[in-house]
Amino acid sequence: MKAMRRLFLLPACLLFLLTSTAEAAPAPWYWWVSKVDGRRVCLQFSPGEGWTPSRGPYRDSRCTQPAAR
């Protein structure tokens, strides 16, 4: 029984160590242009079906600082 527990704990501990070191970055910002009236908005994700990406990616919410590619 102890051998089974060790066989389970070792991979679980290794998996925990690997996932705890993962780092997440914020999503980049893009200019989106409306297909209806040409309005532009700076958002991280598409505002809907009637919008197309125009420029990006950017690091800030005003779409002024280009992100490193």
PDB file of N, CA and C in Angstrom:
ATOM      1  N   MET A   1       0.807  -1.192   0.000  1.00  0.00           N
ATOM      2  CA  MET A   1       0.000   0.000   0.000  1.00  0.00           C
ATOM      3  C   MET A   1       0.857   1.265   0.000  1.00  0.00           C
ATOM      4  N   LYS A   2       1.959   1.235   0.791  1.00  0.00           N
ATOM      5  CA  LYS A   2       2.829   2.402   0.848  1.00  0.00           C
ATOM      6  C   LYS A   2       3.512   2.653  -0.494  1.00  0.00           C
ATOM      7  N   ALA A   3       3.843   1.576  -1.193  1.00  0.00           N
ATOM      8  CA  ALA A   3       4.479   1.724  -2.500  1.00  0.00           C
ATOM      9  C   ALA A   3       3.525   2.384  -3.492  1.00  0.00           C
ATOM     10  N   MET A   4       2.251   2.043  -3.434  1.00  0.00           N
ATOM     11  CA  MET A   4       1.251   2.658  -4.314  1.00  0.00           C
ATOM     12  C   MET A   4       1.120   4.147  -4.012  1.00  0.00           C
ATOM     13  N   ARG A   5       1.143   4.480  -2.728  1.00  0.00           N
ATOM     14  CA  ARG A   5       1.016   5.881  -2.327  1.00  0.00           C
ATOM     15  C   ARG A   5       2.215   6.681  -2.826  1.00  0.00           C
ATOM     16  N   ARG A   6       3.400   6.091  -2.724  1.00  0.00           N
ATOM     17  CA  ARG A   6       4.607   6.778  -3.206  1.00  0.00           C
ATOM     18  C   ARG A   6       4.574   6.953  -4.720  1.00  0.00           C
ATOM     19  N   LEU A   7       4.082   5.946  -5.418  1.00  0.00           N
ATOM     20  CA  LEU A   7       3.974   6.044  -6.875  1.00  0.00           C
ATOM     21  C   LEU A   7       3.016   7.148  -7.289  1.00  0.00           C
ATOM     22  N   PHE A   8       2.034   7.439  -6.468  1.00  0.00           N
ATOM     23  CA  PHE A   8       1.086   8.507  -6.766  1.00  0.00           C
ATOM     24  C   PHE A   8       1.641   9.866  -6.357  1.00  0.00           C
ATOM     25  N   LEU A   9       2.288   9.944  -5.194  1.00  0.00           N
ATOM     26  CA  LEU A   9       2.756  11.217  -4.668  1.00  0.00           C
ATOM     27  C   LEU A   9       3.899  11.817  -5.478  1.00  0.00           C
ATOM     28  N   LEU A  10       4.802  11.002  -5.955  1.00  0.00           N
ATOM     29  CA  LEU A  10       5.943  11.522  -6.699  1.00  0.00           C
ATOM     30  C   LEU A  10       5.505  12.278  -7.965  1.00  0.00           C
ATOM     31  N   PRO A  11       4.702  11.695  -8.850  1.00  0.00           N
ATOM     32  CA  PRO A  11       4.257  12.458 -10.032  1.00  0.00           C
ATOM     33  C   PRO A  11       3.404  13.667  -9.650  1.00  0.00           C
ATOM     34  N   ALA A  12       2.595  13.540  -8.604  1.00  0.00           N
ATOM     35  CA  ALA A  12       1.765  14.672  -8.178  1.00  0.00           C
ATOM     36  C   ALA A  12       2.626  15.833  -7.711  1.00  0.00           C
ATOM     37  N   CYS A  13       3.680  15.522  -6.942  1.00  0.00           N
ATOM     38  CA  CYS A  13       4.588  16.580  -6.480  1.00  0.00           C
ATOM     39  C   CYS A  13       5.342  17.213  -7.643  1.00  0.00           C
ATOM     40  N   LEU A  14       5.806  16.403  -8.578  1.00  0.00           N
ATOM     41  CA  LEU A  14       6.499  16.939  -9.750  1.00  0.00           C
ATOM     42  C   LEU A  14       5.581  17.824 -10.582  1.00  0.00           C
ATOM     43  N   LEU A  15       4.354  17.404 -10.753  1.00  0.00           N
ATOM     44  CA  LEU A  15       3.388  18.208 -11.505  1.00  0.00           C
ATOM     45  C   LEU A  15       3.126  19.533 -10.806  1.00  0.00           C
ATOM     46  N   PHE A  16       3.004  19.523  -9.503  1.00  0.00           N
ATOM     47  CA  PHE A  16       2.796  20.747  -8.743  1.00  0.00           C
ATOM     48  C   PHE A  16       3.976  21.695  -8.916  1.00  0.00           C
ATOM     49  N   LEU A  17       5.205  21.177  -8.847  1.00  0.00           N
ATOM     50  CA  LEU A  17       6.383  22.027  -8.997  1.00  0.00           C
ATOM     51  C   LEU A  17       6.458  22.644 -10.389  1.00  0.00           C
ATOM     52  N   LEU A  18       6.100  21.884 -11.403  1.00  0.00           N
ATOM     53  CA  LEU A  18       6.145  22.400 -12.762  1.00  0.00           C
ATOM     54  C   LEU A  18       5.086  23.465 -13.012  1.00  0.00           C
ATOM     55  N   THR A  19       3.899  23.265 -12.479  1.00  0.00           N
ATOM     56  CA  THR A  19       2.832  24.228 -12.729  1.00  0.00           C
ATOM     57  C   THR A  19       2.949  25.462 -11.852  1.00  0.00           C
ATOM     58  N   SER A  20       3.602  25.364 -10.718  1.00  0.00           N
ATOM     59  CA  SER A  20       3.710  26.530  -9.844  1.00  0.00           C
ATOM     60  C   SER A  20       4.709  27.545 -10.376  1.00  0.00           C
ATOM     61  N   THR A  21       5.576  27.158 -11.300  1.00  0.00           N
ATOM     62  CA  THR A  21       6.550  28.097 -11.846  1.00  0.00           C
ATOM     63  C   THR A  21       6.066  28.758 -13.136  1.00  0.00           C
ATOM     64  N   ALA A  22       4.915  28.384 -13.627  1.00  0.00           N
ATOM     65  CA  ALA A  22       4.394  28.979 -14.850  1.00  0.00           C
ATOM     66  C   ALA A  22       3.991  30.423 -14.594  1.00  0.00           C
ATOM     67  N   GLU A  23       4.283  31.287 -15.550  1.00  0.00           N
ATOM     68  CA  GLU A  23       3.941  32.698 -15.419  1.00  0.00           C
ATOM     69  C   GLU A  23       2.973  33.078 -16.529  1.00  0.00           C
ATOM     70  N   ALA A  24       2.029  33.895 -16.182  1.00  0.00           N
ATOM     71  CA  ALA A  24       1.056  34.362 -17.159  1.00  0.00           C
ATOM     72  C   ALA A  24       1.296  35.839 -17.450  1.00  0.00           C
ATOM     73  N   ALA A  25       1.139  36.204 -18.681  1.00  0.00           N
ATOM     74  CA  ALA A  25       1.279  37.602 -19.093  1.00  0.00           C
ATOM     75  C   ALA A  25      -0.108  38.147 -19.426  1.00  0.00           C
ATOM     76  N   PRO A  26      -0.295  39.457 -19.285  1.00  0.00           N
ATOM     77  CA  PRO A  26      -1.592  40.025 -19.647  1.00  0.00           C
ATOM     78  C   PRO A  26      -1.826  39.923 -21.158  1.00  0.00           C
ATOM     79  N   ALA A  27      -3.077  39.877 -21.526  1.00  0.00           N
ATOM     80  CA  ALA A  27      -3.421  39.807 -22.946  1.00  0.00           C
ATOM     81  C   ALA A  27      -3.068  41.130 -23.622  1.00  0.00           C
ATOM     82  N   PRO A  28      -2.593  41.095 -24.869  1.00  0.00           N
ATOM     83  CA  PRO A  28      -2.270  42.341 -25.569  1.00  0.00           C
ATOM     84  C   PRO A  28      -3.534  43.095 -25.978  1.00  0.00           C
ATOM     85  N   TRP A  29      -3.383  44.372 -26.249  1.00  0.00           N
ATOM     86  CA  TRP A  29      -4.473  45.246 -26.670  1.00  0.00           C
ATOM     87  C   TRP A  29      -4.396  45.464 -28.174  1.00  0.00           C
ATOM     88  N   TYR A  30      -5.559  45.647 -28.813  1.00  0.00           N
ATOM     89  CA  TYR A  30      -5.628  45.868 -30.260  1.00  0.00           C
ATOM     90  C   TYR A  30      -6.631  46.972 -30.569  1.00  0.00           C
ATOM     91  N   TRP A  31      -6.400  47.658 -31.703  1.00  0.00           N
ATOM     92  CA  TRP A  31      -7.421  48.566 -32.225  1.00  0.00           C
ATOM     93  C   TRP A  31      -8.422  47.721 -33.009  1.00  0.00           C
ATOM     94  N   TRP A  32      -9.703  47.917 -32.726  1.00  0.00           N
ATOM     95  CA  TRP A  32     -10.782  47.230 -33.434  1.00  0.00           C
ATOM     96  C   TRP A  32     -11.596  48.274 -34.179  1.00  0.00           C
ATOM     97  N   VAL A  33     -11.950  47.989 -35.431  1.00  0.00           N
ATOM     98  CA  VAL A  33     -12.701  48.923 -36.270  1.00  0.00           C
ATOM     99  C   VAL A  33     -14.072  48.334 -36.568  1.00  0.00           C
ATOM    100  N   SER A  34     -15.101  49.177 -36.401  1.00  0.00           N
ATOM    101  CA  SER A  34     -16.469  48.745 -36.668  1.00  0.00           C
ATOM    102  C   SER A  34     -16.690  48.617 -38.167  1.00  0.00           C
ATOM    103  N   LYS A  35     -17.344  47.533 -38.595  1.00  0.00           N
ATOM    104  CA  LYS A  35     -17.689  47.345 -40.004  1.00  0.00           C
ATOM    105  C   LYS A  35     -18.866  48.227 -40.404  1.00  0.00           C
ATOM    106  N   VAL A  36     -19.622  48.717 -39.421  1.00  0.00           N
ATOM    107  CA  VAL A  36     -20.821  49.505 -39.702  1.00  0.00           C
ATOM    108  C   VAL A  36     -20.491  50.971 -39.938  1.00  0.00           C
ATOM    109  N   ASP A  37     -19.792  51.596 -38.973  1.00  0.00           N
ATOM    110  CA  ASP A  37     -19.574  53.036 -39.097  1.00  0.00           C
ATOM    111  C   ASP A  37     -18.109  53.451 -38.982  1.00  0.00           C
ATOM    112  N   GLY A  38     -17.181  52.513 -38.898  1.00  0.00           N
ATOM    113  CA  GLY A  38     -15.760  52.839 -38.874  1.00  0.00           C
ATOM    114  C   GLY A  38     -15.222  53.312 -37.534  1.00  0.00           C
ATOM    115  N   ARG A  39     -16.045  53.267 -36.484  1.00  0.00           N
ATOM    116  CA  ARG A  39     -15.545  53.662 -35.161  1.00  0.00           C
ATOM    117  C   ARG A  39     -14.424  52.740 -34.742  1.00  0.00           C
ATOM    118  N   ARG A  40     -13.473  53.262 -33.954  1.00  0.00           N
ATOM    119  CA  ARG A  40     -12.355  52.467 -33.461  1.00  0.00           C
ATOM    120  C   ARG A  40     -12.382  52.416 -31.944  1.00  0.00           C
ATOM    121  N   VAL A  41     -12.060  51.240 -31.395  1.00  0.00           N
ATOM    122  CA  VAL A  41     -11.929  51.065 -29.950  1.00  0.00           C
ATOM    123  C   VAL A  41     -10.675  50.245 -29.678  1.00  0.00           C
ATOM    124  N   CYS A  42     -10.078  50.486 -28.518  1.00  0.00           N
ATOM    125  CA  CYS A  42      -8.895  49.742 -28.102  1.00  0.00           C
ATOM    126  C   CYS A  42      -9.318  48.752 -27.031  1.00  0.00           C
ATOM    127  N   LEU A  43      -9.278  47.453 -27.366  1.00  0.00           N
ATOM    128  CA  LEU A  43      -9.703  46.401 -26.445  1.00  0.00           C
ATOM    129  C   LEU A  43      -8.768  45.202 -26.552  1.00  0.00           C
ATOM    130  N   GLN A  44      -8.812  44.360 -25.528  1.00  0.00           N
ATOM    131  CA  GLN A  44      -8.001  43.143 -25.545  1.00  0.00           C
ATOM    132  C   GLN A  44      -8.649  42.035 -26.376  1.00  0.00           C
ATOM    133  N   PHE A  45      -9.971  42.033 -26.432  1.00  0.00           N
ATOM    134  CA  PHE A  45     -10.691  40.989 -27.164  1.00  0.00           C
ATOM    135  C   PHE A  45     -11.722  41.630 -28.079  1.00  0.00           C
ATOM    136  N   SER A  46     -12.155  40.905 -29.087  1.00  0.00           N
ATOM    137  CA  SER A  46     -13.124  41.417 -30.049  1.00  0.00           C
ATOM    138  C   SER A  46     -14.424  41.808 -29.368  1.00  0.00           C
ATOM    139  N   PRO A  47     -14.955  43.006 -29.686  1.00  0.00           N
ATOM    140  CA  PRO A  47     -16.231  43.415 -29.106  1.00  0.00           C
ATOM    141  C   PRO A  47     -17.438  42.715 -29.746  1.00  0.00           C
ATOM    142  N   GLY A  48     -17.246  41.970 -30.805  1.00  0.00           N
ATOM    143  CA  GLY A  48     -18.357  41.251 -31.421  1.00  0.00           C
ATOM    144  C   GLY A  48     -18.106  40.953 -32.883  1.00  0.00           C
ATOM    145  N   GLU A  49     -19.151  40.463 -33.540  1.00  0.00           N
ATOM    146  CA  GLU A  49     -19.020  40.044 -34.942  1.00  0.00           C
ATOM    147  C   GLU A  49     -18.788  41.210 -35.896  1.00  0.00           C
ATOM    148  N   GLY A  50     -19.292  42.378 -35.592  1.00  0.00           N
ATOM    149  CA  GLY A  50     -19.199  43.518 -36.501  1.00  0.00           C
ATOM    150  C   GLY A  50     -17.910  44.292 -36.399  1.00  0.00           C
ATOM    151  N   TRP A  51     -16.869  43.704 -35.820  1.00  0.00           N
ATOM    152  CA  TRP A  51     -15.605  44.402 -35.626  1.00  0.00           C
ATOM    153  C   TRP A  51     -14.456  43.598 -36.216  1.00  0.00           C
ATOM    154  N   THR A  52     -13.451  44.306 -36.752  1.00  0.00           N
ATOM    155  CA  THR A  52     -12.260  43.652 -37.279  1.00  0.00           C
ATOM    156  C   THR A  52     -11.024  44.270 -36.621  1.00  0.00           C
ATOM    157  N   PRO A  53      -9.979  43.473 -36.402  1.00  0.00           N
ATOM    158  CA  PRO A  53      -8.759  44.048 -35.825  1.00  0.00           C
ATOM    159  C   PRO A  53      -8.073  44.962 -36.825  1.00  0.00           C
ATOM    160  N   SER A  54      -7.566  46.082 -36.346  1.00  0.00           N
ATOM    161  CA  SER A  54      -6.930  47.055 -37.216  1.00  0.00           C
ATOM    162  C   SER A  54      -5.419  47.084 -37.008  1.00  0.00           C
ATOM    163  N   ARG A  55      -5.002  47.377 -35.784  1.00  0.00           N
ATOM    164  CA  ARG A  55      -3.573  47.451 -35.474  1.00  0.00           C
ATOM    165  C   ARG A  55      -3.315  46.818 -34.121  1.00  0.00           C
ATOM    166  N   GLY A  56      -2.079  46.447 -33.905  1.00  0.00           N
ATOM    167  CA  GLY A  56      -1.709  45.887 -32.623  1.00  0.00           C
ATOM    168  C   GLY A  56      -0.643  44.846 -32.807  1.00  0.00           C
ATOM    169  N   PRO A  57      -0.179  44.274 -31.764  1.00  0.00           N
ATOM    170  CA  PRO A  57      -0.605  44.387 -30.376  1.00  0.00           C
ATOM    171  C   PRO A  57       0.059  45.565 -29.662  1.00  0.00           C
ATOM    172  N   TYR A  58      -0.590  46.004 -28.571  1.00  0.00           N
ATOM    173  CA  TYR A  58      -0.091  47.076 -27.719  1.00  0.00           C
ATOM    174  C   TYR A  58      -0.038  46.587 -26.277  1.00  0.00           C
ATOM    175  N   ARG A  59       0.779  47.289 -25.454  1.00  0.00           N
ATOM    176  CA  ARG A  59       0.921  46.911 -24.046  1.00  0.00           C
ATOM    177  C   ARG A  59      -0.061  47.629 -23.133  1.00  0.00           C
ATOM    178  N   ASP A  60      -0.640  48.741 -23.577  1.00  0.00           N
ATOM    179  CA  ASP A  60      -1.481  49.551 -22.694  1.00  0.00           C
ATOM    180  C   ASP A  60      -2.900  49.675 -23.234  1.00  0.00           C
ATOM    181  N   SER A  61      -3.809  50.127 -22.372  1.00  0.00           N
ATOM    182  CA  SER A  61      -5.229  50.208 -22.724  1.00  0.00           C
ATOM    183  C   SER A  61      -5.562  51.412 -23.617  1.00  0.00           C
ATOM    184  N   ARG A  62      -4.589  52.248 -23.912  1.00  0.00           N
ATOM    185  CA  ARG A  62      -4.821  53.365 -24.838  1.00  0.00           C
ATOM    186  C   ARG A  62      -4.250  53.062 -26.216  1.00  0.00           C
ATOM    187  N   CYS A  63      -3.672  51.875 -26.357  1.00  0.00           N
ATOM    188  CA  CYS A  63      -3.063  51.448 -27.617  1.00  0.00           C
ATOM    189  C   CYS A  63      -2.009  52.447 -28.113  1.00  0.00           C
ATOM    190  N   THR A  64      -1.112  52.822 -27.195  1.00  0.00           N
ATOM    191  CA  THR A  64      -0.040  53.761 -27.570  1.00  0.00           C
ATOM    192  C   THR A  64       1.349  53.138 -27.457  1.00  0.00           C
ATOM    193  N   GLN A  65       1.515  52.094 -26.650  1.00  0.00           N
ATOM    194  CA  GLN A  65       2.821  51.463 -26.450  1.00  0.00           C
ATOM    195  C   GLN A  65       2.855  50.116 -27.156  1.00  0.00           C
ATOM    196  N   PRO A  66       3.569  50.044 -28.291  1.00  0.00           N
ATOM    197  CA  PRO A  66       3.616  48.769 -29.013  1.00  0.00           C
ATOM    198  C   PRO A  66       4.229  47.662 -28.168  1.00  0.00           C
ATOM    199  N   ALA A  67       3.678  46.476 -28.295  1.00  0.00           N
ATOM    200  CA  ALA A  67       4.197  45.309 -27.583  1.00  0.00           C
ATOM    201  C   ALA A  67       5.324  44.696 -28.396  1.00  0.00           C
ATOM    202  N   ALA A  68       6.288  44.143 -27.693  1.00  0.00           N
ATOM    203  CA  ALA A  68       7.381  43.450 -28.372  1.00  0.00           C
ATOM    204  C   ALA A  68       6.847  42.158 -28.954  1.00  0.00           C
ATOM    205  N   ARG A  69       7.184  41.868 -30.167  1.00  0.00           N
ATOM    206  CA  ARG A  69       6.708  40.640 -30.817  1.00  0.00           C
ATOM    207  C   ARG A  69       7.673  39.523 -30.662  1.00  0.00           C
TER     208      ARG A  69
END
